[in-house]
Protein backbone atom coordinates (compact mmCIF):
# COMPACT_ATOMS: atom_id res chain seq x y z
CA MET A 1 23.97 31.37 -54.11
CA GLY A 2 25.14 27.97 -52.86
CA THR A 3 26.90 27.92 -49.52
CA VAL A 4 29.57 25.36 -50.45
CA LEU A 5 29.89 25.56 -54.24
CA GLY A 6 28.75 29.15 -54.83
CA ASN A 7 32.26 30.48 -55.48
CA LEU A 8 32.94 27.99 -58.26
CA LYS A 9 32.68 28.89 -61.94
CA PRO A 10 30.36 28.87 -63.78
CA GLU A 11 28.17 29.98 -60.90
CA ALA A 12 24.92 29.23 -62.73
CA ILE A 13 25.73 25.51 -62.93
CA TRP A 14 27.13 25.10 -59.43
CA ASN A 15 24.29 26.98 -57.74
CA HIS A 16 21.72 24.75 -59.42
CA PHE A 17 23.77 21.64 -58.65
CA GLU A 18 24.05 22.51 -54.97
CA GLU A 19 20.31 23.08 -54.87
CA ILE A 20 19.72 19.70 -56.54
CA CYS A 21 21.90 18.04 -53.88
CA LYS A 22 19.36 19.10 -51.24
CA TYR A 23 16.78 16.68 -52.61
CA ALA A 24 16.86 12.93 -52.08
CA ARG A 25 16.63 11.43 -55.56
CA PRO A 26 17.27 7.70 -55.79
CA SER A 27 15.33 6.20 -58.67
CA GLY A 28 11.62 6.36 -57.88
CA LEU A 29 12.02 9.18 -55.39
CA GLU A 30 12.53 12.10 -57.74
CA ASP A 31 9.32 14.02 -57.04
CA LYS A 32 10.95 16.68 -54.86
CA VAL A 33 13.76 17.42 -57.29
CA ALA A 34 11.25 17.34 -60.16
CA GLY A 35 9.28 19.94 -58.24
CA TYR A 36 12.38 22.12 -58.09
CA ILE A 37 12.87 21.76 -61.87
CA VAL A 38 9.25 22.77 -62.45
CA SER A 39 9.70 25.80 -60.19
CA VAL A 40 12.68 26.97 -62.26
CA GLY A 41 10.62 26.84 -65.45
CA LYS A 42 7.62 28.59 -63.94
CA ARG A 43 9.56 31.37 -62.23
CA ASN A 44 11.01 32.18 -65.65
CA ASN A 45 7.50 32.22 -67.18
CA LEU A 46 8.30 29.32 -69.51
CA GLU A 47 6.02 26.57 -70.74
CA THR A 48 6.61 23.83 -68.16
CA PHE A 49 4.81 20.52 -67.62
CA ARG A 50 5.20 16.91 -66.53
CA ASP A 51 4.10 14.06 -68.76
CA GLU A 52 2.06 11.08 -67.57
CA PHE A 53 5.14 9.32 -66.18
CA GLY A 54 6.44 12.43 -64.43
CA ASN A 55 9.22 13.49 -66.81
CA VAL A 56 9.62 17.28 -66.84
CA ILE A 57 9.61 19.28 -70.09
CA ILE A 58 10.43 22.99 -70.29
CA ARG A 59 10.24 25.05 -73.50
CA LYS A 60 12.08 28.33 -74.01
CA PRO A 61 11.72 30.59 -77.07
CA ALA A 62 14.74 31.51 -79.15
CA THR A 63 16.78 34.54 -78.18
CA PRO A 64 16.26 37.53 -80.52
CA GLY A 65 17.82 36.94 -83.93
CA LYS A 66 18.10 33.15 -83.45
CA GLU A 67 14.51 32.21 -84.25
CA ASN A 68 15.49 30.38 -87.46
CA LEU A 69 17.96 27.99 -85.84
CA THR A 70 17.08 24.30 -85.71
CA PRO A 71 15.21 23.55 -82.45
CA VAL A 72 17.29 21.74 -79.83
CA VAL A 73 16.33 19.64 -76.81
CA LEU A 74 18.76 19.39 -73.88
CA GLN A 75 18.30 16.10 -72.07
CA GLY A 76 19.37 14.57 -68.76
CA HIS A 77 17.99 12.39 -65.96
CA LEU A 78 17.00 13.43 -62.45
CA ASP A 79 17.75 10.28 -60.45
CA MET A 80 21.07 9.12 -59.04
CA VAL A 81 22.65 5.88 -57.86
CA ALA A 82 22.48 5.79 -54.05
CA GLU A 83 25.67 4.22 -52.68
CA LYS A 84 27.47 4.92 -49.40
CA ASN A 85 30.37 3.58 -47.40
CA ASN A 86 29.44 1.16 -44.62
CA ASP A 87 30.63 3.50 -41.88
CA VAL A 88 28.47 6.40 -43.13
CA GLN A 89 25.05 7.15 -41.66
CA HIS A 90 22.94 8.39 -44.56
CA ASN A 91 19.29 7.85 -45.45
CA PHE A 92 18.99 8.36 -49.21
CA ASP A 93 15.20 8.57 -48.90
CA LYS A 94 15.44 11.94 -47.18
CA ASP A 95 18.98 13.10 -46.34
CA PRO A 96 20.63 15.66 -48.66
CA ILE A 97 23.89 14.93 -50.42
CA GLN A 98 26.77 16.86 -48.85
CA PRO A 99 29.12 18.15 -51.58
CA VAL A 100 32.66 19.24 -50.70
CA VAL A 101 35.43 20.89 -52.71
CA ASP A 102 38.74 19.02 -52.87
CA GLY A 103 41.21 20.88 -55.07
CA ASP A 104 39.96 20.69 -58.65
CA TRP A 105 37.22 18.26 -57.73
CA VAL A 106 33.80 18.21 -56.10
CA LYS A 107 32.88 15.03 -54.24
CA ALA A 108 30.49 14.03 -51.44
CA LYS A 109 30.93 13.05 -47.82
CA GLY A 110 30.92 9.25 -47.89
CA THR A 111 28.22 8.84 -50.55
CA THR A 112 27.74 9.03 -54.27
CA LEU A 113 27.71 12.68 -55.37
CA GLY A 114 25.01 12.50 -58.01
CA SER A 115 27.02 14.47 -60.56
CA ASP A 116 25.78 11.63 -62.76
CA ASN A 117 23.55 13.24 -64.01
CA GLY A 118 23.13 16.22 -61.71
CA ILE A 119 25.77 18.30 -63.49
CA GLY A 120 24.03 17.80 -66.83
CA VAL A 121 20.68 18.72 -65.27
CA ALA A 122 22.22 21.82 -63.67
CA ALA A 123 23.72 22.87 -67.02
CA ALA A 124 20.34 22.59 -68.73
CA LEU A 125 18.75 24.67 -65.95
CA ALA A 126 21.50 27.27 -66.30
CA VAL A 127 20.65 27.63 -70.00
CA ILE A 128 16.94 27.78 -69.17
CA GLU A 129 17.50 30.65 -66.74
CA SER A 130 20.17 32.46 -68.74
CA LYS A 131 19.65 35.97 -70.09
CA ASP A 132 22.84 36.09 -72.16
CA VAL A 133 23.20 32.59 -73.72
CA GLU A 134 22.23 32.77 -77.40
CA HIS A 135 20.17 29.88 -78.71
CA GLY A 136 17.40 28.91 -81.08
CA PRO A 137 14.07 27.38 -80.01
CA LEU A 138 14.89 25.26 -76.97
CA GLU A 139 13.42 22.40 -75.00
CA ALA A 140 14.75 20.70 -71.88
CA LEU A 141 13.77 17.12 -71.06
CA PHE A 142 14.42 15.78 -67.56
CA THR A 143 13.66 12.07 -67.27
CA LEU A 144 13.03 9.84 -64.26
CA GLU A 145 14.32 6.42 -63.19
CA GLU A 146 17.19 6.22 -65.66
CA GLU A 147 19.49 4.34 -63.31
CA THR A 148 17.11 1.44 -62.68
CA GLY A 149 15.97 0.79 -66.24
CA MET A 150 15.56 4.05 -68.14
CA PHE A 151 11.87 3.94 -67.39
CA GLY A 152 11.31 7.67 -67.89
CA ALA A 153 12.75 7.52 -71.39
CA LYS A 154 10.77 4.36 -72.12
CA ALA A 155 7.57 6.14 -71.06
CA LEU A 156 8.21 9.18 -73.26
CA LYS A 157 5.56 9.33 -75.97
CA ALA A 158 6.03 10.26 -79.59
CA GLY A 159 5.01 13.81 -80.41
CA VAL A 160 5.94 15.37 -77.05
CA LEU A 161 9.27 16.74 -78.25
CA LYS A 162 9.25 19.38 -81.00
CA SER A 163 13.00 19.59 -81.62
CA SER A 164 15.16 18.13 -84.40
CA ILE A 165 18.43 17.90 -82.44
CA LEU A 166 18.98 16.25 -79.07
CA ILE A 167 22.00 17.04 -76.90
CA ASN A 168 22.33 14.47 -74.14
CA LEU A 169 24.28 15.86 -71.17
CA ASP A 170 24.99 12.50 -69.49
CA SER A 171 28.57 11.72 -70.56
CA GLU A 172 31.57 11.73 -68.26
CA GLU A 173 34.77 12.44 -70.18
CA ASP A 174 36.05 15.93 -71.00
CA GLY A 175 37.07 16.38 -74.63
CA THR A 176 35.01 13.43 -75.84
CA LEU A 177 31.88 13.45 -77.98
CA TYR A 178 29.73 10.33 -77.81
CA ILE A 179 27.80 9.22 -80.86
CA GLY A 180 26.68 5.74 -79.81
CA CYS A 181 26.02 3.56 -76.76
CA ALA A 182 25.47 -0.01 -75.68
CA GLY A 183 22.11 -1.63 -75.14
CA GLY A 184 21.49 -3.62 -72.00
CA GLN A 185 19.43 -6.24 -70.24
CA ASN A 186 19.21 -7.70 -66.73
CA THR A 187 18.96 -11.36 -65.85
CA VAL A 188 17.33 -12.18 -62.50
CA VAL A 189 17.92 -15.61 -60.97
CA LYS A 190 16.26 -17.30 -58.01
CA ILE A 191 17.80 -20.42 -56.43
CA LYS A 192 15.44 -21.93 -53.88
CA TYR A 193 16.66 -23.83 -50.86
CA ASP A 194 15.50 -25.70 -47.77
CA GLN A 195 16.62 -24.67 -44.31
CA LYS A 196 18.32 -27.29 -42.18
CA TYR A 197 18.99 -27.26 -38.43
CA ILE A 198 22.38 -26.13 -37.20
CA PRO A 199 24.81 -29.08 -37.31
CA ASP A 200 26.17 -30.21 -33.93
CA ASN A 201 29.63 -29.15 -32.78
CA THR A 202 29.99 -26.34 -35.32
CA PHE A 203 30.96 -22.70 -35.06
CA ALA A 204 29.85 -19.71 -37.15
CA LEU A 205 32.02 -17.24 -39.04
CA GLU A 206 31.02 -14.08 -40.85
CA LEU A 207 33.16 -13.51 -43.94
CA LYS A 208 33.51 -10.08 -45.51
CA VAL A 209 35.08 -8.72 -48.68
CA THR A 210 35.58 -4.97 -48.36
CA GLY A 211 37.67 -2.07 -49.66
CA LEU A 212 37.00 -2.48 -53.36
CA LYS A 213 36.55 0.51 -55.67
CA GLY A 214 33.36 -0.67 -57.33
CA GLY A 215 32.24 1.70 -60.05
CA HIS A 216 30.03 1.81 -63.10
CA SER A 217 29.35 -1.64 -64.52
CA GLY A 218 29.71 -0.32 -68.07
CA LEU A 219 32.28 2.46 -67.97
CA ASP A 220 34.59 0.67 -65.50
CA ILE A 221 34.06 -2.96 -66.49
CA HIS A 222 37.36 -3.10 -68.42
CA THR A 223 39.54 -1.78 -65.59
CA GLY A 224 40.17 -5.13 -63.93
CA ARG A 225 38.59 -4.04 -60.65
CA GLY A 226 37.56 -6.75 -58.25
CA ASN A 227 33.99 -7.96 -58.01
CA ALA A 228 33.23 -8.51 -54.32
CA ILE A 229 30.69 -11.27 -55.01
CA LYS A 230 33.06 -13.21 -57.27
CA LEU A 231 35.85 -12.94 -54.69
CA MET A 232 33.52 -14.20 -51.97
CA VAL A 233 32.22 -17.08 -54.07
CA ARG A 234 35.76 -18.12 -54.97
CA LEU A 235 36.55 -18.34 -51.25
CA LEU A 236 33.35 -20.25 -50.50
CA HIS A 237 34.11 -22.69 -53.30
CA GLU A 238 37.57 -23.39 -51.90
CA LEU A 239 36.32 -23.71 -48.31
CA ASN A 240 33.54 -26.04 -49.37
CA TYR A 241 35.92 -28.23 -51.35
CA LYS A 242 38.57 -28.39 -48.62
CA PHE A 243 36.54 -28.32 -45.38
CA GLY A 244 32.94 -29.13 -46.29
CA ILE A 245 31.60 -25.91 -44.76
CA ARG A 246 27.88 -25.24 -44.47
CA LEU A 247 26.47 -22.01 -45.90
CA VAL A 248 24.03 -19.87 -43.91
CA ASN A 249 23.77 -16.90 -46.28
CA ILE A 250 25.56 -14.78 -48.88
CA ASN A 251 24.91 -11.14 -49.74
CA GLY A 252 26.66 -8.61 -51.92
CA GLY A 253 26.18 -5.63 -54.20
CA SER A 254 23.18 -3.33 -54.24
CA LYS A 255 22.66 -1.98 -57.79
CA HIS A 256 22.40 -3.73 -61.13
CA ASN A 257 24.59 -1.08 -62.78
CA ALA A 258 27.36 -0.96 -60.17
CA ILE A 259 30.33 -3.30 -59.75
CA PRO A 260 29.83 -4.71 -56.23
CA ARG A 261 32.28 -3.22 -53.74
CA GLU A 262 31.41 -5.34 -50.71
CA SER A 263 30.02 -8.77 -49.93
CA SER A 264 29.43 -10.94 -46.89
CA ALA A 265 28.61 -14.54 -46.05
CA VAL A 266 27.97 -16.58 -42.93
CA ILE A 267 29.30 -20.13 -42.78
CA ARG A 268 29.45 -22.94 -40.26
CA ALA A 269 32.19 -25.55 -39.89
CA ALA A 270 33.24 -28.23 -37.42
CA LYS A 271 34.78 -26.78 -34.26
CA LYS A 272 37.77 -29.12 -34.48
CA ILE A 273 38.94 -27.50 -37.74
CA LYS A 274 38.34 -23.90 -36.74
CA ASP A 275 42.02 -22.95 -36.67
CA ASP A 276 42.54 -24.50 -40.12
CA VAL A 277 39.56 -22.65 -41.59
CA VAL A 278 40.62 -19.29 -40.16
CA SER A 279 44.20 -19.81 -41.31
CA TYR A 280 43.00 -20.70 -44.80
CA ILE A 281 40.94 -17.48 -45.02
CA GLU A 282 43.89 -15.40 -43.85
CA ASN A 283 46.06 -16.95 -46.55
CA TYR A 284 43.34 -16.40 -49.16
CA ASN A 285 43.32 -12.72 -48.22
CA LYS A 286 47.06 -12.50 -48.89
CA ILE A 287 46.65 -14.27 -52.25
CA VAL A 288 43.92 -11.98 -53.61
CA GLN A 289 45.61 -8.88 -52.21
CA ALA A 290 48.68 -9.83 -54.21
CA GLU A 291 46.61 -10.52 -57.33
CA PHE A 292 44.84 -7.15 -57.14
CA ALA A 293 47.67 -5.12 -55.60
CA SER A 294 47.86 -2.48 -58.33
CA VAL A 295 44.15 -1.99 -58.99
CA GLU A 296 42.56 -2.70 -55.56
CA PRO A 297 45.07 -1.61 -52.90
CA ASN A 298 42.43 -1.55 -50.14
CA LEU A 299 40.98 -5.02 -50.74
CA ASN A 300 40.50 -6.96 -47.51
CA VAL A 301 38.96 -10.36 -46.75
CA THR A 302 38.13 -10.94 -43.09
CA ALA A 303 36.53 -13.58 -40.89
CA SER A 304 35.00 -12.96 -37.47
CA ASP A 305 33.22 -15.14 -34.93
CA ILE A 306 29.49 -14.55 -34.57
CA LYS A 307 26.74 -16.15 -32.52
CA SER A 308 24.42 -17.03 -35.36
CA ARG A 309 21.36 -19.14 -34.63
CA SER A 310 20.22 -19.12 -38.26
CA LYS A 311 19.64 -22.44 -39.94
CA VAL A 312 21.93 -23.52 -42.77
CA ILE A 313 21.09 -23.93 -46.46
CA ASP A 314 20.68 -27.54 -47.52
CA LYS A 315 23.86 -29.05 -48.98
CA SER A 316 22.57 -29.58 -52.52
CA SER A 317 21.22 -26.04 -52.91
CA ALA A 318 24.34 -24.51 -51.38
CA SER A 319 26.53 -26.50 -53.74
CA ASN A 320 24.44 -25.47 -56.75
CA LEU A 321 24.53 -21.84 -55.65
CA ILE A 322 28.28 -21.69 -55.04
CA ASN A 323 29.21 -23.63 -58.17
CA SER A 324 26.97 -21.64 -60.51
CA LEU A 325 28.10 -18.28 -59.13
CA TYR A 326 31.71 -19.42 -59.37
CA ALA A 327 31.25 -20.52 -62.99
CA VAL A 328 29.15 -17.62 -64.31
CA GLN A 329 30.95 -15.21 -66.61
CA ASN A 330 31.77 -11.76 -65.31
CA GLY A 331 33.52 -8.78 -66.91
CA VAL A 332 34.48 -8.07 -70.51
CA ILE A 333 33.28 -10.69 -72.97
CA LYS A 334 34.38 -9.06 -76.24
CA MET A 335 36.14 -5.90 -77.41
CA SER A 336 34.96 -4.04 -80.50
CA ALA A 337 36.80 -4.83 -83.71
CA ASP A 338 35.66 -1.52 -85.22
CA ILE A 339 36.32 1.06 -82.49
CA GLU A 340 39.67 0.75 -80.72
CA GLY A 341 39.41 0.44 -76.95
CA LEU A 342 35.62 0.04 -76.89
CA VAL A 343 34.14 -2.81 -74.89
CA GLU A 344 31.55 -4.39 -77.15
CA THR A 345 29.98 -6.93 -74.80
CA SER A 346 30.16 -7.47 -71.05
CA THR A 347 28.32 -8.87 -68.07
CA ASN A 348 28.32 -7.89 -64.41
CA LEU A 349 27.43 -10.15 -61.47
CA ALA A 350 25.78 -7.30 -59.63
CA VAL A 351 23.67 -8.37 -56.65
CA VAL A 352 23.19 -11.45 -54.47
CA VAL A 353 20.60 -11.41 -51.68
CA THR A 354 19.70 -14.32 -49.39
CA LYS A 355 16.01 -14.33 -48.56
CA SER A 356 13.99 -16.70 -46.39
CA LYS A 357 13.53 -19.46 -48.97
CA ALA A 358 15.67 -18.44 -51.94
CA VAL A 359 18.83 -16.65 -52.96
CA GLU A 360 18.15 -13.96 -55.57
CA ILE A 361 20.84 -12.97 -58.06
CA THR A 362 20.91 -10.05 -60.49
CA LEU A 363 23.28 -9.89 -63.45
CA SER A 364 23.52 -7.08 -66.00
CA GLN A 365 24.50 -7.63 -69.64
CA ARG A 366 25.57 -4.88 -72.06
CA SER A 367 26.49 -4.84 -75.73
CA SER A 368 26.53 -2.46 -78.66
CA VAL A 369 25.47 -5.48 -80.77
CA GLU A 370 21.98 -6.65 -79.86
CA SER A 371 22.56 -10.26 -80.94
CA GLU A 372 25.66 -10.46 -78.71
CA ARG A 373 23.73 -9.06 -75.76
CA ASP A 374 21.10 -11.74 -76.28
CA ASP A 375 23.80 -14.40 -76.65
CA ILE A 376 25.52 -13.67 -73.34
CA SER A 377 22.14 -13.36 -71.60
CA ASN A 378 21.08 -16.75 -72.96
CA SER A 379 24.42 -18.28 -71.96
CA ILE A 380 23.92 -17.13 -68.38
CA THR A 381 20.36 -18.45 -68.42
CA GLY A 382 21.60 -21.81 -69.66
CA LEU A 383 24.13 -22.08 -66.83
CA PHE A 384 21.61 -21.41 -64.09
CA LYS A 385 19.04 -23.71 -65.68
CA LEU A 386 21.55 -26.53 -65.11
CA VAL A 387 21.06 -26.08 -61.36
CA LYS A 388 17.27 -25.89 -61.73
CA ALA A 389 17.16 -22.17 -60.94
CA GLU A 390 14.27 -19.89 -61.83
CA VAL A 391 15.56 -17.42 -64.43
CA ASN A 392 13.89 -14.32 -65.85
CA GLN A 393 15.30 -11.96 -68.44
CA ALA A 394 14.01 -8.42 -68.01
CA ASP A 395 13.07 -6.32 -71.01
CA GLY A 396 16.22 -4.91 -72.54
CA TYR A 397 16.85 -1.45 -73.89
CA PRO A 398 18.29 -0.67 -77.31
CA GLY A 399 21.69 0.68 -78.16
CA TRP A 400 22.32 3.86 -80.14
CA LYS A 401 23.96 3.23 -83.49
CA PRO A 402 26.78 5.69 -84.28
CA ASN A 403 26.31 8.13 -87.17
CA ILE A 404 29.67 9.59 -88.11
CA LYS A 405 27.91 11.90 -90.61
CA SER A 406 25.67 13.49 -87.96
CA PRO A 407 25.22 17.24 -88.65
CA VAL A 408 25.33 18.16 -84.96
CA LEU A 409 28.56 16.17 -84.64
CA GLY A 410 30.04 18.40 -87.34
CA VAL A 411 29.00 21.50 -85.38
CA LEU A 412 30.51 20.15 -82.14
CA LYS A 413 33.81 19.26 -83.79
CA SER A 414 34.11 22.69 -85.40
CA VAL A 415 33.22 24.60 -82.23
CA TYR A 416 35.50 22.47 -80.07
CA LYS A 417 38.49 23.03 -82.33
CA LYS A 418 37.90 26.82 -82.39
CA LEU A 419 37.65 26.91 -78.60
CA TYR A 420 40.49 24.59 -77.67
CA GLY A 421 42.71 24.26 -80.74
CA SER A 422 42.46 20.48 -80.95
CA GLU A 423 40.14 17.79 -82.21
CA PRO A 424 37.75 16.16 -79.73
CA GLU A 425 37.71 12.38 -79.41
CA ILE A 426 34.73 10.72 -81.06
CA LYS A 427 33.55 7.62 -79.22
CA ALA A 428 30.78 5.20 -78.52
CA ILE A 429 30.23 4.37 -74.85
CA HIS A 430 29.86 0.98 -73.18
CA ALA A 431 26.98 2.15 -71.06
CA GLY A 432 23.32 2.81 -71.53
CA LEU A 433 22.36 6.29 -72.60
CA GLU A 434 18.76 7.27 -73.02
CA CYS A 435 19.53 8.27 -76.60
CA GLY A 436 18.88 4.74 -77.85
CA ILE A 437 15.41 4.61 -76.32
CA ILE A 438 14.48 8.15 -77.31
CA ASN A 439 15.67 7.40 -80.83
CA GLU A 440 13.06 4.63 -81.05
CA ARG A 441 10.31 7.21 -80.46
CA TYR A 442 11.98 9.93 -82.50
CA PRO A 443 13.99 8.22 -85.29
CA ASP A 444 14.72 11.50 -87.09
CA LEU A 445 16.41 13.16 -84.12
CA ASP A 446 20.05 14.07 -84.70
CA MET A 447 21.74 13.21 -81.39
CA ILE A 448 25.03 13.68 -79.56
CA SER A 449 26.22 13.36 -75.96
CA PHE A 450 28.97 15.13 -74.04
CA GLY A 451 29.82 16.20 -70.49
CA PRO A 452 32.62 17.02 -68.06
CA THR A 453 35.00 14.53 -66.46
CA ILE A 454 33.33 12.44 -63.76
CA ILE A 455 35.30 9.70 -62.01
CA GLY A 456 33.89 6.88 -59.89
CA ALA A 457 30.24 7.27 -60.86
CA HIS A 458 27.94 4.89 -58.99
CA SER A 459 30.39 4.65 -56.06
CA PRO A 460 31.15 6.80 -53.00
CA ASP A 461 34.41 7.76 -54.75
CA GLU A 462 32.43 9.72 -57.36
CA LYS A 463 33.84 13.16 -58.15
CA VAL A 464 33.45 15.75 -60.89
CA GLN A 465 36.29 17.94 -62.16
CA ILE A 466 35.72 21.66 -61.67
CA SER A 467 37.94 22.78 -64.56
CA ALA A 468 36.19 20.32 -66.88
CA VAL A 469 32.80 21.78 -65.94
CA ILE A 470 34.05 25.18 -67.13
CA LYS A 471 35.04 23.66 -70.50
CA PHE A 472 31.74 21.77 -70.68
CA TRP A 473 29.76 24.97 -70.15
CA ASN A 474 31.77 26.94 -72.71
CA LEU A 475 31.28 24.20 -75.28
CA LEU A 476 27.54 23.96 -74.65
CA VAL A 477 27.02 27.72 -74.84
CA ASN A 478 28.99 28.08 -78.07
CA VAL A 479 27.35 25.08 -79.71
CA LEU A 480 23.86 26.44 -79.02
CA LYS A 481 24.54 29.72 -80.80
CA ASN A 482 26.15 27.91 -83.75
CA ILE A 483 23.37 25.42 -84.43
CA PRO A 484 22.58 25.58 -88.18
CA GLN A 485 19.38 27.12 -89.46
CA ASN A 486 16.33 24.94 -89.64
């Protein structure tokens, strides 16, 4: 039994989740947690194996009397987004996540919790180990490297899965059934520069944008939250125009699928205008705090003296960098005309890193319409080509087209209404689910996705609702025993 979460209900889920939290599992480092998944299958004497990529598959026979039900695969991913607050000492390569209970929520101490998708994984394991959950022939698929490009799902080969229904356990809203998702693509930009010697009679300032909420670049893109890189670039643009500052570096964000919460830059300016520059930054802080008062109450822009001996970026490259980042689109591009409240197309300025001879930029585009995803990606490419940048578009991943006549959707709606006396919401999600990729390999799979309420995924504010996990488990258990006959 877990030492922190063991008293929570349902115990089977929380005990597995607390065990999962012991293993470092950023994308690419899932071997230890995959080993734990394999151990669960083997200790229950179930067919358990890893495919060539490392995805884990477990097969469990039907419970007595349910052999004729349509086979179902439960699916989730093992990796997590590794984000922490700046004042937290945590090595995601080896340190365990530290879950804590806060009222009706479970969160982590200063880091992402990994309930995305650890709760879904734990639920699948709970079914695998159960002695009293009724179900037909069952498979569980645990994929790797979902958060960095869905590489585990992309590596899944046709013919591995034997089921006809897939239940994805990677959604984050209680009472909602997802039947479609956006496709996505990353654009990676490199702006090269020459280093110039430090100008005479100048001083150095380190600028920081901190206190933003961040969040998931798909699920939270419509919330109006601040983008730390965009806020920094706006300031740099104004300082450059008014004072002719010199840029040493700019950095911000860390994950392609997270809205950047923090950014920093080092600038140099003439000593004689130091007071004016500092005063301007202080006033800028007041302006953006007022603009974002309701959505980003902890936003803060600061400037501090540093003794930097780093050379500056040449004027032309710095100007091209600042202007292109200032001009590039960010946020919601288009709302769906067919599904109320659904973001159809968006882009996120996700990461900026200054390296020795170039500044590297990562942007993430999403859309439920493939042609629109390509359009916004090409628009971004066109902008950066104007400043002679090197631009590469990574391979995209497909969306999942909604099927309102899905048989498993009908089962979920019926079971949900019997359990809770109301109709569930039926939605598509503006985020990448592995369903779209798996559907390419298995076009006849009938698919659906649901999960408990998770807030702040991909940020240290991430938390999962305990009461929603109870509902999630009850729904899953009752759906499995009500799957139609094959």
